[in-house]
Amino acid sequence: MASKTKKIKIGIVGCGAIGSRIAKSIENELKDIYQLTGLYDIKVQKSRDLERSLKIQRIVKSSLDNLLKTCELMVEAVNATNTRTIIYKALKAKCHVLAMSVGQLLNASDIFRLAGKNQCYLLLPSGAIAGIDAIKAISSVHIQSITLTTRKSISGFADLPYLMDRGIDLSQITKETILFEGDVDSAVKFFPQNINVAATIALASKAKKKITIRMITSPTFTTNSHEIEIVGDFGRLVTRTENVVCPDNPKTSYLAVLSAIQTLKEFRQNVKIGT
């Protein structure tokens, strides 16, 4: 059971759409179980703007190291080229981590080893998909194939180097168009802000090599949808989520933010730290 007197000190790295919504949730529905002690963003103005929107003040930190000194659990909401380093440093400082950039952990056995060595929890929210419990359950039997089909609006794929390098002009797309079809590693590399769900499925199923990813867009799409089909010795599993986009970031599903908040709730209910 959660302690009624001791709150877990939590710091947020990355003060964009996801980090901001998590911060506001901590200040509201999670205020009885968490204490927000730090905000850090490489763009200092973003952390300052977020702080101004909150009741609590004087929590902007000048560096990642300074933030880690103040918290017991770090929320990573960055998805930058150095995301793995940020998570690694937090675990090295014996800080629990909620990682939003699951794609960065796809081939990160060193990070999982460090978490175990330092007895730290590395929390991976289910994100914008459903059925993770079932996928974990079938990971112990033979899986024949996994297909993830992701459909997003054109704005959800804006400014991606992968598309620009291939001369794909999103403004010229007039019908449903497949932007990518391939393996998980390539999907995560080329669509880092769009396809964390692929990494989540790969980690849960333990069958990365069996996964095919399809990325589709259309001017008519108004939601972010993820359809999963898995075939194996257990039978056939199909799930589909149609997600409203996060109001602050069309590349992110609102459900991804909600799953992070739920993960924090369940963590405090089931784990005794800071008591």
C-alpha atoms as a PDB file:
ATOM      1  CA  MET A   1       0.000   0.000   0.000  1.00  0.00           C
ATOM      2  CA  ALA A   2       1.160   3.584  -0.629  1.00  0.00           C
ATOM      3  CA  SER A   3       2.437   5.574   2.291  1.00  0.00           C
ATOM      4  CA  LYS A   4       0.011   8.188   3.562  1.00  0.00           C
ATOM      5  CA  THR A   5       2.769  10.441   4.851  1.00  0.00           C
ATOM      6  CA  LYS A   6       5.737  10.167   2.506  1.00  0.00           C
ATOM      7  CA  LYS A   7       5.494  11.262  -1.103  1.00  0.00           C
ATOM      8  CA  ILE A   8       7.892  10.104  -3.773  1.00  0.00           C
ATOM      9  CA  LYS A   9      10.077  12.917  -5.062  1.00  0.00           C
ATOM     10  CA  ILE A  10       9.827  13.094  -8.831  1.00  0.00           C
ATOM     11  CA  GLY A  11      11.753  15.047 -11.463  1.00  0.00           C
ATOM     12  CA  ILE A  12      10.852  15.530 -15.119  1.00  0.00           C
ATOM     13  CA  VAL A  13      13.386  15.703 -17.945  1.00  0.00           C
ATOM     14  CA  GLY A  14      11.859  17.165 -21.080  1.00  0.00           C
ATOM     15  CA  CYS A  15       9.284  19.919 -20.703  1.00  0.00           C
ATOM     16  CA  GLY A  16       7.417  19.564 -23.966  1.00  0.00           C
ATOM     17  CA  ALA A  17       3.839  18.353 -24.444  1.00  0.00           C
ATOM     18  CA  ILE A  18       4.214  15.043 -22.587  1.00  0.00           C
ATOM     19  CA  GLY A  19       6.408  16.340 -19.768  1.00  0.00           C
ATOM     20  CA  SER A  20       4.100  19.305 -19.221  1.00  0.00           C
ATOM     21  CA  ARG A  21       0.966  17.181 -18.974  1.00  0.00           C
ATOM     22  CA  ILE A  22       2.626  14.772 -16.559  1.00  0.00           C
ATOM     23  CA  ALA A  23       3.803  17.714 -14.414  1.00  0.00           C
ATOM     24  CA  LYS A  24       0.290  19.116 -14.224  1.00  0.00           C
ATOM     25  CA  SER A  25      -1.096  15.692 -13.320  1.00  0.00           C
ATOM     26  CA  ILE A  26       1.429  15.395 -10.496  1.00  0.00           C
ATOM     27  CA  GLU A  27       0.275  18.760  -9.212  1.00  0.00           C
ATOM     28  CA  ASN A  28      -3.391  17.719  -9.396  1.00  0.00           C
ATOM     29  CA  GLU A  29      -4.589  14.090  -9.262  1.00  0.00           C
ATOM     30  CA  LEU A  30      -1.198  12.690  -8.134  1.00  0.00           C
ATOM     31  CA  LYS A  31      -0.443  15.324  -5.515  1.00  0.00           C
ATOM     32  CA  ASP A  32      -1.098  12.977  -2.586  1.00  0.00           C
ATOM     33  CA  ILE A  33       1.510  10.434  -3.703  1.00  0.00           C
ATOM     34  CA  TYR A  34       4.168  12.448  -5.572  1.00  0.00           C
ATOM     35  CA  GLN A  35       6.085  15.650  -4.961  1.00  0.00           C
ATOM     36  CA  LEU A  36       7.425  17.427  -8.033  1.00  0.00           C
ATOM     37  CA  THR A  37      10.967  18.473  -7.139  1.00  0.00           C
ATOM     38  CA  GLY A  38      12.615  19.250 -10.454  1.00  0.00           C
ATOM     39  CA  LEU A  39      12.175  20.273 -14.084  1.00  0.00           C
ATOM     40  CA  TYR A  40      14.959  20.145 -16.648  1.00  0.00           C
ATOM     41  CA  ASP A  41      15.047  20.800 -20.361  1.00  0.00           C
ATOM     42  CA  ILE A  42      18.024  21.576 -22.548  1.00  0.00           C
ATOM     43  CA  LYS A  43      15.933  24.517 -23.760  1.00  0.00           C
ATOM     44  CA  VAL A  44      15.801  26.395 -20.468  1.00  0.00           C
ATOM     45  CA  GLN A  45      12.898  28.588 -21.531  1.00  0.00           C
ATOM     46  CA  LYS A  46      10.647  25.544 -21.906  1.00  0.00           C
ATOM     47  CA  SER A  47      11.241  24.485 -18.305  1.00  0.00           C
ATOM     48  CA  ARG A  48      10.699  28.046 -17.117  1.00  0.00           C
ATOM     49  CA  ASP A  49       7.448  28.345 -19.070  1.00  0.00           C
ATOM     50  CA  LEU A  50       6.224  25.083 -17.570  1.00  0.00           C
ATOM     51  CA  GLU A  51       7.148  26.192 -14.059  1.00  0.00           C
ATOM     52  CA  ARG A  52       5.159  29.409 -14.527  1.00  0.00           C
ATOM     53  CA  SER A  53       2.066  27.332 -15.319  1.00  0.00           C
ATOM     54  CA  LEU A  54       2.380  25.394 -12.061  1.00  0.00           C
ATOM     55  CA  LYS A  55       1.642  26.305  -8.466  1.00  0.00           C
ATOM     56  CA  ILE A  56       4.999  25.072  -7.199  1.00  0.00           C
ATOM     57  CA  GLN A  57       7.958  27.310  -8.012  1.00  0.00           C
ATOM     58  CA  ARG A  58      11.766  27.286  -7.884  1.00  0.00           C
ATOM     59  CA  ILE A  59      12.067  23.764  -9.278  1.00  0.00           C
ATOM     60  CA  VAL A  60      13.814  24.486 -12.600  1.00  0.00           C
ATOM     61  CA  LYS A  61      17.241  22.819 -12.576  1.00  0.00           C
ATOM     62  CA  SER A  62      20.287  23.969 -14.490  1.00  0.00           C
ATOM     63  CA  SER A  63      21.485  20.447 -15.311  1.00  0.00           C
ATOM     64  CA  LEU A  64      20.466  16.810 -15.326  1.00  0.00           C
ATOM     65  CA  ASP A  65      22.851  16.129 -12.438  1.00  0.00           C
ATOM     66  CA  ASN A  66      21.183  18.797 -10.319  1.00  0.00           C
ATOM     67  CA  LEU A  67      17.757  17.342 -11.048  1.00  0.00           C
ATOM     68  CA  LEU A  68      18.847  13.819 -10.098  1.00  0.00           C
ATOM     69  CA  LYS A  69      20.073  15.068  -6.726  1.00  0.00           C
ATOM     70  CA  THR A  70      16.529  16.124  -5.827  1.00  0.00           C
ATOM     71  CA  CYS A  71      14.406  13.153  -6.923  1.00  0.00           C
ATOM     72  CA  GLU A  72      13.806   9.459  -6.353  1.00  0.00           C
ATOM     73  CA  LEU A  73      12.067   8.871  -9.680  1.00  0.00           C
ATOM     74  CA  MET A  74      12.859  10.568 -12.991  1.00  0.00           C
ATOM     75  CA  VAL A  75      10.359  10.897 -15.819  1.00  0.00           C
ATOM     76  CA  GLU A  76      12.107  10.851 -19.199  1.00  0.00           C
ATOM     77  CA  ALA A  77      10.058  12.700 -21.823  1.00  0.00           C
ATOM     78  CA  VAL A  78      12.788  13.729 -24.247  1.00  0.00           C
ATOM     79  CA  ASN A  79      13.268  11.354 -27.227  1.00  0.00           C
ATOM     80  CA  ALA A  80      16.507  13.011 -28.297  1.00  0.00           C
ATOM     81  CA  THR A  81      19.764  11.547 -29.584  1.00  0.00           C
ATOM     82  CA  ASN A  82      21.105  11.346 -26.018  1.00  0.00           C
ATOM     83  CA  THR A  83      17.998   9.839 -24.409  1.00  0.00           C
ATOM     84  CA  ARG A  84      19.750   6.571 -23.583  1.00  0.00           C
ATOM     85  CA  THR A  85      22.522   8.495 -21.844  1.00  0.00           C
ATOM     86  CA  ILE A  86      19.963  10.404 -19.775  1.00  0.00           C
ATOM     87  CA  ILE A  87      18.271   7.179 -18.643  1.00  0.00           C
ATOM     88  CA  TYR A  88      21.622   5.535 -17.934  1.00  0.00           C
ATOM     89  CA  LYS A  89      22.769   8.457 -15.770  1.00  0.00           C
ATOM     90  CA  ALA A  90      19.546   8.350 -13.779  1.00  0.00           C
ATOM     91  CA  LEU A  91      19.891   4.630 -13.088  1.00  0.00           C
ATOM     92  CA  LYS A  92      23.557   5.074 -12.221  1.00  0.00           C
ATOM     93  CA  ALA A  93      22.439   7.646  -9.642  1.00  0.00           C
ATOM     94  CA  LYS A  94      20.096   4.929  -8.289  1.00  0.00           C
ATOM     95  CA  CYS A  95      17.012   6.805  -9.410  1.00  0.00           C
ATOM     96  CA  HIS A  96      13.928   4.945 -10.656  1.00  0.00           C
ATOM     97  CA  VAL A  97      12.931   5.883 -14.214  1.00  0.00           C
ATOM     98  CA  LEU A  98       9.678   6.196 -16.141  1.00  0.00           C
ATOM     99  CA  ALA A  99      10.802   6.092 -19.791  1.00  0.00           C
ATOM    100  CA  MET A 100       8.492   7.507 -22.446  1.00  0.00           C
ATOM    101  CA  SER A 101      11.023   6.956 -25.266  1.00  0.00           C
ATOM    102  CA  VAL A 102      10.691   3.168 -25.300  1.00  0.00           C
ATOM    103  CA  GLY A 103      12.181   3.045 -28.772  1.00  0.00           C
ATOM    104  CA  GLN A 104      15.521   4.091 -27.306  1.00  0.00           C
ATOM    105  CA  LEU A 105      15.550   0.945 -25.147  1.00  0.00           C
ATOM    106  CA  LEU A 106      15.005  -1.591 -27.903  1.00  0.00           C
ATOM    107  CA  ASN A 107      18.649  -2.728 -27.971  1.00  0.00           C
ATOM    108  CA  ALA A 108      19.731  -1.488 -24.567  1.00  0.00           C
ATOM    109  CA  SER A 109      20.639  -4.561 -22.536  1.00  0.00           C
ATOM    110  CA  ASP A 110      23.229  -2.481 -20.670  1.00  0.00           C
ATOM    111  CA  ILE A 111      20.498  -0.202 -19.319  1.00  0.00           C
ATOM    112  CA  PHE A 112      18.353  -3.106 -18.130  1.00  0.00           C
ATOM    113  CA  ARG A 113      21.405  -4.694 -16.478  1.00  0.00           C
ATOM    114  CA  LEU A 114      22.210  -1.448 -14.675  1.00  0.00           C
ATOM    115  CA  ALA A 115      18.628  -1.139 -13.440  1.00  0.00           C
ATOM    116  CA  GLY A 116      18.843  -4.619 -11.983  1.00  0.00           C
ATOM    117  CA  LYS A 117      22.264  -4.056 -10.458  1.00  0.00           C
ATOM    118  CA  ASN A 118      21.169  -0.853  -8.720  1.00  0.00           C
ATOM    119  CA  GLN A 119      17.747  -2.278  -7.801  1.00  0.00           C
ATOM    120  CA  CYS A 120      15.992   0.467  -9.723  1.00  0.00           C
ATOM    121  CA  TYR A 121      12.604   0.230 -11.375  1.00  0.00           C
ATOM    122  CA  LEU A 122      12.583   1.005 -15.101  1.00  0.00           C
ATOM    123  CA  LEU A 123       8.942   1.724 -15.892  1.00  0.00           C
ATOM    124  CA  LEU A 124       7.705   1.366 -19.484  1.00  0.00           C
ATOM    125  CA  PRO A 125       4.108   2.557 -19.962  1.00  0.00           C
ATOM    126  CA  SER A 126       1.931   0.684 -22.449  1.00  0.00           C
ATOM    127  CA  GLY A 127       1.631   3.877 -24.475  1.00  0.00           C
ATOM    128  CA  ALA A 128      -0.931   4.210 -27.245  1.00  0.00           C
ATOM    129  CA  ILE A 129      -1.759   0.515 -27.625  1.00  0.00           C
ATOM    130  CA  ALA A 130      -3.830  -2.127 -25.859  1.00  0.00           C
ATOM    131  CA  GLY A 131      -3.216  -5.775 -25.068  1.00  0.00           C
ATOM    132  CA  ILE A 132       0.295  -5.656 -23.601  1.00  0.00           C
ATOM    133  CA  ASP A 133      -0.629  -8.153 -20.859  1.00  0.00           C
ATOM    134  CA  ALA A 134      -1.763 -10.628 -23.516  1.00  0.00           C
ATOM    135  CA  ILE A 135       1.381 -10.071 -25.579  1.00  0.00           C
ATOM    136  CA  LYS A 136       3.535 -10.775 -22.514  1.00  0.00           C
ATOM    137  CA  ALA A 137       1.540 -13.930 -21.866  1.00  0.00           C
ATOM    138  CA  ILE A 138       2.112 -15.351 -25.356  1.00  0.00           C
ATOM    139  CA  SER A 139       5.814 -14.496 -25.387  1.00  0.00           C
ATOM    140  CA  SER A 140       6.567 -17.947 -23.946  1.00  0.00           C
ATOM    141  CA  VAL A 141       5.178 -19.824 -26.973  1.00  0.00           C
ATOM    142  CA  HIS A 142       6.066 -19.862 -30.648  1.00  0.00           C
ATOM    143  CA  ILE A 143       5.032 -16.686 -32.468  1.00  0.00           C
ATOM    144  CA  GLN A 144       4.708 -16.951 -36.234  1.00  0.00           C
ATOM    145  CA  SER A 145       4.232 -13.287 -37.113  1.00  0.00           C
ATOM    146  CA  ILE A 146       3.452  -9.866 -35.687  1.00  0.00           C
ATOM    147  CA  THR A 147       2.175  -6.990 -37.796  1.00  0.00           C
ATOM    148  CA  LEU A 148       1.774  -3.455 -36.496  1.00  0.00           C
ATOM    149  CA  THR A 149      -0.078  -1.064 -38.776  1.00  0.00           C
ATOM    150  CA  THR A 150       0.080   2.547 -37.649  1.00  0.00           C
ATOM    151  CA  ARG A 151      -2.097   5.215 -39.247  1.00  0.00           C
ATOM    152  CA  LYS A 152      -1.545   8.897 -38.480  1.00  0.00           C
ATOM    153  CA  SER A 153      -2.502  12.240 -39.939  1.00  0.00           C
ATOM    154  CA  ILE A 154      -0.109  14.006 -42.271  1.00  0.00           C
ATOM    155  CA  SER A 155       0.817  16.538 -39.572  1.00  0.00           C
ATOM    156  CA  GLY A 156       1.976  13.647 -37.394  1.00  0.00           C
ATOM    157  CA  PHE A 157       4.800  12.932 -39.849  1.00  0.00           C
ATOM    158  CA  ALA A 158       5.973  16.503 -40.416  1.00  0.00           C
ATOM    159  CA  ASP A 159       9.693  17.332 -40.685  1.00  0.00           C
ATOM    160  CA  LEU A 160      10.971  13.762 -40.711  1.00  0.00           C
ATOM    161  CA  PRO A 161      14.403  13.418 -42.397  1.00  0.00           C
ATOM    162  CA  TYR A 162      13.431   9.927 -43.627  1.00  0.00           C
ATOM    163  CA  LEU A 163      10.668  11.390 -45.795  1.00  0.00           C
ATOM    164  CA  MET A 164      12.667  14.387 -46.965  1.00  0.00           C
ATOM    165  CA  ASP A 165      15.628  12.181 -47.959  1.00  0.00           C
ATOM    166  CA  ARG A 166      13.290  10.141 -50.134  1.00  0.00           C
ATOM    167  CA  GLY A 167      11.648  13.150 -51.717  1.00  0.00           C
ATOM    168  CA  ILE A 168       8.262  12.438 -50.145  1.00  0.00           C
ATOM    169  CA  ASP A 169       6.272  15.680 -50.072  1.00  0.00           C
ATOM    170  CA  LEU A 170       3.500  15.314 -47.503  1.00  0.00           C
ATOM    171  CA  SER A 171       1.634  18.288 -48.944  1.00  0.00           C
ATOM    172  CA  GLN A 172       1.167  16.381 -52.207  1.00  0.00           C
ATOM    173  CA  ILE A 173      -0.443  13.330 -50.629  1.00  0.00           C
ATOM    174  CA  THR A 174      -4.140  13.146 -51.551  1.00  0.00           C
ATOM    175  CA  LYS A 175      -5.052   9.564 -50.589  1.00  0.00           C
ATOM    176  CA  GLU A 176      -4.084   6.815 -48.158  1.00  0.00           C
ATOM    177  CA  THR A 177      -0.358   6.251 -48.640  1.00  0.00           C
ATOM    178  CA  ILE A 178       2.114   3.763 -47.156  1.00  0.00           C
ATOM    179  CA  LEU A 179       5.165   5.719 -45.992  1.00  0.00           C
ATOM    180  CA  PHE A 180       7.121   2.784 -44.624  1.00  0.00           C
ATOM    181  CA  GLU A 181       7.051  -1.000 -44.385  1.00  0.00           C
ATOM    182  CA  GLY A 182       9.879  -2.835 -42.674  1.00  0.00           C
ATOM    183  CA  ASP A 183      11.438  -4.115 -39.462  1.00  0.00           C
ATOM    184  CA  VAL A 184      11.292  -2.660 -35.967  1.00  0.00           C
ATOM    185  CA  ASP A 185      14.834  -1.331 -35.793  1.00  0.00           C
ATOM    186  CA  SER A 186      14.366   0.650 -39.012  1.00  0.00           C
ATOM    187  CA  ALA A 187      10.969   1.961 -37.905  1.00  0.00           C
ATOM    188  CA  VAL A 188      12.339   3.201 -34.603  1.00  0.00           C
ATOM    189  CA  LYS A 189      15.335   4.768 -36.349  1.00  0.00           C
ATOM    190  CA  PHE A 190      13.346   6.606 -39.014  1.00  0.00           C
ATOM    191  CA  PHE A 191      10.233   7.458 -36.966  1.00  0.00           C
ATOM    192  CA  PRO A 192      11.555   8.030 -33.410  1.00  0.00           C
ATOM    193  CA  GLN A 193       8.679  10.238 -32.323  1.00  0.00           C
ATOM    194  CA  ASN A 194       5.977   8.140 -33.904  1.00  0.00           C
ATOM    195  CA  ILE A 195       6.696   4.499 -33.228  1.00  0.00           C
ATOM    196  CA  ASN A 196       7.560   3.853 -29.580  1.00  0.00           C
ATOM    197  CA  VAL A 197       4.693   1.347 -29.667  1.00  0.00           C
ATOM    198  CA  ALA A 198       6.751  -0.868 -31.999  1.00  0.00           C
ATOM    199  CA  ALA A 199       9.506  -1.094 -29.408  1.00  0.00           C
ATOM    200  CA  THR A 200       6.967  -1.788 -26.662  1.00  0.00           C
ATOM    201  CA  ILE A 201       5.553  -4.704 -28.647  1.00  0.00           C
ATOM    202  CA  ALA A 202       9.041  -6.023 -29.385  1.00  0.00           C
ATOM    203  CA  LEU A 203      10.052  -5.965 -25.727  1.00  0.00           C
ATOM    204  CA  ALA A 204       6.777  -7.499 -24.535  1.00  0.00           C
ATOM    205  CA  SER A 205       6.681 -10.271 -27.149  1.00  0.00           C
ATOM    206  CA  LYS A 206      10.424 -11.072 -27.145  1.00  0.00           C
ATOM    207  CA  ALA A 207       9.985 -11.679 -30.863  1.00  0.00           C
ATOM    208  CA  LYS A 208      11.477  -8.615 -32.515  1.00  0.00           C
ATOM    209  CA  LYS A 209      12.545 -10.462 -35.649  1.00  0.00           C
ATOM    210  CA  LYS A 210       8.961 -11.577 -36.316  1.00  0.00           C
ATOM    211  CA  ILE A 211       7.559  -8.024 -36.433  1.00  0.00           C
ATOM    212  CA  THR A 212       6.625  -6.085 -39.566  1.00  0.00           C
ATOM    213  CA  ILE A 213       5.791  -2.386 -39.249  1.00  0.00           C
ATOM    214  CA  ARG A 214       3.584  -0.435 -41.657  1.00  0.00           C
ATOM    215  CA  MET A 215       3.261   3.361 -41.430  1.00  0.00           C
ATOM    216  CA  ILE A 216       0.321   4.880 -43.317  1.00  0.00           C
ATOM    217  CA  THR A 217      -0.968   8.430 -43.683  1.00  0.00           C
ATOM    218  CA  SER A 218      -3.867  10.171 -45.395  1.00  0.00           C
ATOM    219  CA  PRO A 219      -5.412  13.664 -45.463  1.00  0.00           C
ATOM    220  CA  THR A 220      -8.594  12.042 -44.110  1.00  0.00           C
ATOM    221  CA  PHE A 221      -7.032  10.618 -40.945  1.00  0.00           C
ATOM    222  CA  THR A 222      -8.012  12.500 -37.787  1.00  0.00           C
ATOM    223  CA  THR A 223      -6.814   9.977 -35.198  1.00  0.00           C
ATOM    224  CA  ASN A 224      -3.634   8.036 -34.457  1.00  0.00           C
ATOM    225  CA  SER A 225      -4.515   4.355 -34.815  1.00  0.00           C
ATOM    226  CA  HIS A 226      -2.450   1.261 -34.048  1.00  0.00           C
ATOM    227  CA  GLU A 227      -3.596  -2.169 -35.217  1.00  0.00           C
ATOM    228  CA  ILE A 228      -1.727  -5.231 -33.942  1.00  0.00           C
ATOM    229  CA  GLU A 229      -2.115  -8.729 -35.381  1.00  0.00           C
ATOM    230  CA  ILE A 230      -0.193 -11.644 -33.855  1.00  0.00           C
ATOM    231  CA  VAL A 231      -0.355 -15.253 -35.050  1.00  0.00           C
ATOM    232  CA  GLY A 232       1.225 -18.129 -33.146  1.00  0.00           C
ATOM    233  CA  ASP A 233       0.728 -21.391 -31.282  1.00  0.00           C
ATOM    234  CA  PHE A 234      -1.743 -19.643 -28.968  1.00  0.00           C
ATOM    235  CA  GLY A 235      -4.029 -18.676 -31.870  1.00  0.00           C
ATOM    236  CA  ARG A 236      -4.574 -15.189 -33.282  1.00  0.00           C
ATOM    237  CA  LEU A 237      -4.689 -11.872 -31.439  1.00  0.00           C
ATOM    238  CA  VAL A 238      -5.944  -8.616 -32.947  1.00  0.00           C
ATOM    239  CA  THR A 239      -6.172  -5.257 -31.183  1.00  0.00           C
ATOM    240  CA  ARG A 240      -6.855  -1.778 -32.499  1.00  0.00           C
ATOM    241  CA  THR A 241      -6.758   1.593 -30.789  1.00  0.00           C
ATOM    242  CA  GLU A 242      -7.969   4.819 -32.390  1.00  0.00           C
ATOM    243  CA  ASN A 243      -6.398   7.578 -30.384  1.00  0.00           C
ATOM    244  CA  VAL A 244      -7.165  11.256 -30.202  1.00  0.00           C
ATOM    245  CA  VAL A 245      -3.912  13.122 -30.744  1.00  0.00           C
ATOM    246  CA  CYS A 246      -2.373  14.985 -27.836  1.00  0.00           C
ATOM    247  CA  PRO A 247      -3.641  18.587 -28.142  1.00  0.00           C
ATOM    248  CA  ASP A 248      -0.096  19.921 -27.757  1.00  0.00           C
ATOM    249  CA  ASN A 249       1.679  17.515 -30.116  1.00  0.00           C
ATOM    250  CA  PRO A 250       0.118  15.776 -33.155  1.00  0.00           C
ATOM    251  CA  LYS A 251       2.939  13.193 -33.173  1.00  0.00           C
ATOM    252  CA  THR A 252       1.787  11.867 -29.800  1.00  0.00           C
ATOM    253  CA  SER A 253      -1.418  10.055 -28.881  1.00  0.00           C
ATOM    254  CA  TYR A 254      -3.277  11.342 -25.836  1.00  0.00           C
ATOM    255  CA  LEU A 255      -3.504   7.740 -24.632  1.00  0.00           C
ATOM    256  CA  ALA A 256       0.300   7.626 -24.373  1.00  0.00           C
ATOM    257  CA  VAL A 257       0.194  10.444 -21.834  1.00  0.00           C
ATOM    258  CA  LEU A 258      -2.675   8.835 -19.940  1.00  0.00           C
ATOM    259  CA  SER A 259      -0.802   5.525 -19.776  1.00  0.00           C
ATOM    260  CA  ALA A 260       2.193   7.278 -18.217  1.00  0.00           C
ATOM    261  CA  ILE A 261      -0.015   8.823 -15.536  1.00  0.00           C
ATOM    262  CA  GLN A 262      -1.632   5.440 -14.821  1.00  0.00           C
ATOM    263  CA  THR A 263       1.791   3.810 -14.587  1.00  0.00           C
ATOM    264  CA  LEU A 264       2.812   6.337 -11.942  1.00  0.00           C
ATOM    265  CA  LYS A 265      -0.389   5.646  -9.986  1.00  0.00           C
ATOM    266  CA  GLU A 266       0.147   1.886 -10.039  1.00  0.00           C
ATOM    267  CA  PHE A 267       3.831   2.216  -9.154  1.00  0.00           C
ATOM    268  CA  ARG A 268       3.062   4.151  -5.978  1.00  0.00           C
ATOM    269  CA  GLN A 269       0.293   1.749  -5.032  1.00  0.00           C
ATOM    270  CA  ASN A 270       2.424  -1.371  -5.421  1.00  0.00           C
ATOM    271  CA  VAL A 271       5.952  -0.334  -4.469  1.00  0.00           C
ATOM    272  CA  LYS A 272       7.172   0.836  -1.095  1.00  0.00           C
ATOM    273  CA  ILE A 273       9.888   3.437  -1.493  1.00  0.00           C
ATOM    274  CA  GLY A 274      10.433   6.645   0.384  1.00  0.00           C
ATOM    275  CA  THR A 275       8.422   5.424   3.353  1.00  0.00           C
END
